[in-house]
């Protein structure tokens, strides 16, 4: 299963707002969520805190990226999805390491049947991990789309 490797790039037309208003709203909403921002001209760079669980703010899936305004109200959001990728790596690595640890522990104790049970206990993750991985990527895109949509709301 491939890890998320491509950044997302979304555009929205918020022509009802002035360029400065779009970036001010974006900066206020990102800062309110605890995301570090750096504004320069018609560009806003952001970096989210590390994602610890899927219960964190959905914007944390985005990782780091930029919001830029080109022309009147055309907003582009680019994000590298660092938060989603971090969770993705965890759900791929942790079950495998846990299974090997359990199997090794049972083998050390001279219990080969226990080692087999240890490996079989993590076997469902072969199916679960790819499903969760796709969900993380989908949540990241939905968070970015919702963020852009909400910028246009008063």
Protein backbone atom coordinates (compact mmCIF):
# COMPACT_ATOMS: atom_id res chain seq x y z
CA UNK A 1 0.00 0.00 0.00
CA UNK A 2 1.56 3.30 -1.04
CA UNK A 3 1.94 6.10 1.44
CA UNK A 4 0.53 9.51 0.65
CA UNK A 5 3.21 11.12 -1.47
CA UNK A 6 1.55 13.91 -3.41
CA UNK A 7 0.55 17.22 -1.87
CA UNK A 8 -2.99 18.41 -2.39
CA UNK A 9 -3.74 21.61 -4.28
CA UNK A 10 -7.23 23.06 -4.02
CA UNK A 11 -8.58 26.29 -5.46
CA UNK A 12 -11.69 28.27 -4.60
CA UNK A 13 -13.24 31.43 -5.97
CA UNK A 14 -14.12 33.79 -3.16
CA UNK A 15 -14.69 36.84 -5.34
CA UNK A 16 -17.13 38.31 -2.81
CA UNK A 17 -14.14 39.03 -0.54
CA UNK A 18 -11.15 41.32 -0.93
CA UNK A 19 -7.76 39.61 -1.13
CA UNK A 20 -6.69 40.98 2.25
CA UNK A 21 -9.91 39.80 3.86
CA UNK A 22 -9.38 36.25 2.62
CA UNK A 23 -5.90 36.03 4.10
CA UNK A 24 -6.97 37.74 7.33
CA UNK A 25 -9.81 35.27 7.79
CA UNK A 26 -7.54 32.35 6.99
CA UNK A 27 -4.89 33.59 9.43
CA UNK A 28 -7.47 34.09 12.19
CA UNK A 29 -8.99 30.64 11.74
CA UNK A 30 -5.65 28.84 11.51
CA UNK A 31 -4.21 30.68 14.52
CA UNK A 32 -7.40 29.92 16.46
CA UNK A 33 -6.81 26.22 15.81
CA UNK A 34 -3.26 26.43 17.18
CA UNK A 35 -1.54 26.37 13.80
CA UNK A 36 1.62 28.44 13.25
CA UNK A 37 1.33 30.95 10.43
CA UNK A 38 3.65 33.28 8.55
CA UNK A 39 2.11 35.91 6.31
CA UNK A 40 3.96 37.68 3.52
CA UNK A 41 2.18 39.63 0.78
CA UNK A 42 -0.58 37.57 -0.85
CA UNK A 43 0.70 34.35 0.68
CA UNK A 44 0.14 32.67 4.03
CA UNK A 45 2.39 29.79 5.06
CA UNK A 46 1.19 27.44 7.81
CA UNK A 47 2.52 24.52 9.80
CA UNK A 48 0.28 22.36 11.96
CA UNK A 49 1.34 20.71 15.21
CA UNK A 50 2.22 17.02 14.91
CA UNK A 51 -0.85 14.84 14.57
CA UNK A 52 -1.15 12.51 17.58
CA UNK A 53 -4.46 10.80 16.84
CA UNK A 54 -7.38 10.93 14.45
CA UNK A 55 -9.31 12.87 17.10
CA UNK A 56 -7.14 15.97 16.67
CA UNK A 57 -8.39 18.96 14.71
CA UNK A 58 -8.94 17.74 11.11
CA UNK A 59 -6.80 20.63 9.85
CA UNK A 60 -3.81 18.92 11.49
CA UNK A 61 -3.95 16.31 8.71
CA UNK A 62 -2.67 19.00 6.34
CA UNK A 63 0.79 19.31 7.84
CA UNK A 64 2.42 22.33 6.27
CA UNK A 65 1.46 24.31 3.26
CA UNK A 66 0.46 27.66 1.84
CA UNK A 67 -2.64 29.67 1.11
CA UNK A 68 -2.22 32.21 -1.65
CA UNK A 69 -4.49 34.69 -3.37
CA UNK A 70 -4.15 35.26 -7.10
CA UNK A 71 -6.41 37.82 -8.67
CA UNK A 72 -9.63 38.91 -7.03
CA UNK A 73 -10.76 36.19 -4.66
CA UNK A 74 -9.06 33.19 -6.28
CA UNK A 75 -7.60 31.25 -3.37
CA UNK A 76 -5.21 28.32 -3.68
CA UNK A 77 -4.45 26.00 -0.77
CA UNK A 78 -1.47 23.66 -1.03
CA UNK A 79 -0.69 21.15 1.74
CA UNK A 80 1.78 18.28 2.03
CA UNK A 81 -0.45 16.09 4.28
CA UNK A 82 2.29 15.45 6.85
CA UNK A 83 -0.25 14.72 9.59
CA UNK A 84 -2.10 12.13 7.53
CA UNK A 85 1.18 10.52 6.46
CA UNK A 86 2.35 10.27 10.08
CA UNK A 87 -0.79 8.40 11.15
CA UNK A 88 -0.54 6.25 8.04
CA UNK A 89 3.00 5.15 8.93
CA UNK A 90 1.94 4.37 12.49
CA UNK A 91 -0.91 2.06 11.51
CA UNK A 92 1.36 0.24 9.08
CA UNK A 93 4.35 -0.22 11.40
CA UNK A 94 2.84 -0.68 14.87
CA UNK A 95 0.79 -3.86 14.22
CA UNK A 96 3.71 -5.55 12.45
CA UNK A 97 6.12 -4.72 15.28
CA UNK A 98 3.56 -5.81 17.88
CA UNK A 99 3.06 -9.17 16.11
CA UNK A 100 6.80 -9.79 15.90
CA UNK A 101 7.27 -8.79 19.54
CA UNK A 102 4.52 -11.15 20.70
CA UNK A 103 5.81 -14.01 18.54
CA UNK A 104 9.37 -13.47 19.76
CA UNK A 105 8.24 -13.37 23.38
CA UNK A 106 6.28 -16.60 23.08
CA UNK A 107 9.12 -18.34 21.22
CA UNK A 108 11.57 -17.25 23.94
CA UNK A 109 9.28 -18.84 26.50
CA UNK A 110 9.18 -22.06 24.45
CA UNK A 111 5.56 -21.67 23.35
CA UNK A 112 5.42 -22.01 19.56
CA UNK A 113 1.61 -22.10 19.54
CA UNK A 114 1.59 -18.80 21.42
CA UNK A 115 3.90 -17.33 18.78
CA UNK A 116 1.43 -18.33 16.08
CA UNK A 117 -1.41 -16.76 18.06
CA UNK A 118 0.67 -13.59 18.45
CA UNK A 119 1.12 -13.33 14.69
CA UNK A 120 -2.49 -14.19 13.94
CA UNK A 121 -3.72 -11.55 16.38
CA UNK A 122 -2.39 -8.79 14.15
CA UNK A 123 -3.43 -10.42 10.86
CA UNK A 124 -6.66 -8.38 10.55
CA UNK A 125 -4.51 -5.27 10.21
CA UNK A 126 -3.55 -6.43 6.73
CA UNK A 127 -7.09 -5.38 5.75
CA UNK A 128 -7.73 -2.65 8.33
CA UNK A 129 -4.56 -0.60 7.75
CA UNK A 130 -5.16 0.17 4.04
CA UNK A 131 -8.77 1.13 4.78
CA UNK A 132 -7.74 3.49 7.55
CA UNK A 133 -4.98 4.90 5.39
CA UNK A 134 -7.46 5.87 2.68
CA UNK A 135 -9.70 7.39 5.34
CA UNK A 136 -6.87 9.62 6.60
CA UNK A 137 -6.24 10.94 3.10
CA UNK A 138 -9.96 11.51 2.51
CA UNK A 139 -10.28 13.35 5.83
CA UNK A 140 -7.36 15.60 4.91
CA UNK A 141 -8.95 16.61 1.61
CA UNK A 142 -12.34 17.13 3.27
CA UNK A 143 -10.75 19.31 5.96
CA UNK A 144 -9.08 21.48 3.32
CA UNK A 145 -12.28 21.78 1.27
CA UNK A 146 -14.33 22.67 4.35
CA UNK A 147 -11.74 25.24 5.39
CA UNK A 148 -11.87 26.96 2.00
CA UNK A 149 -15.67 26.84 1.95
CA UNK A 150 -15.87 28.36 5.44
CA UNK A 151 -13.55 31.21 4.43
CA UNK A 152 -16.28 32.43 2.11
CA UNK A 153 -18.92 32.36 4.85
CA UNK A 154 -19.46 35.46 6.95
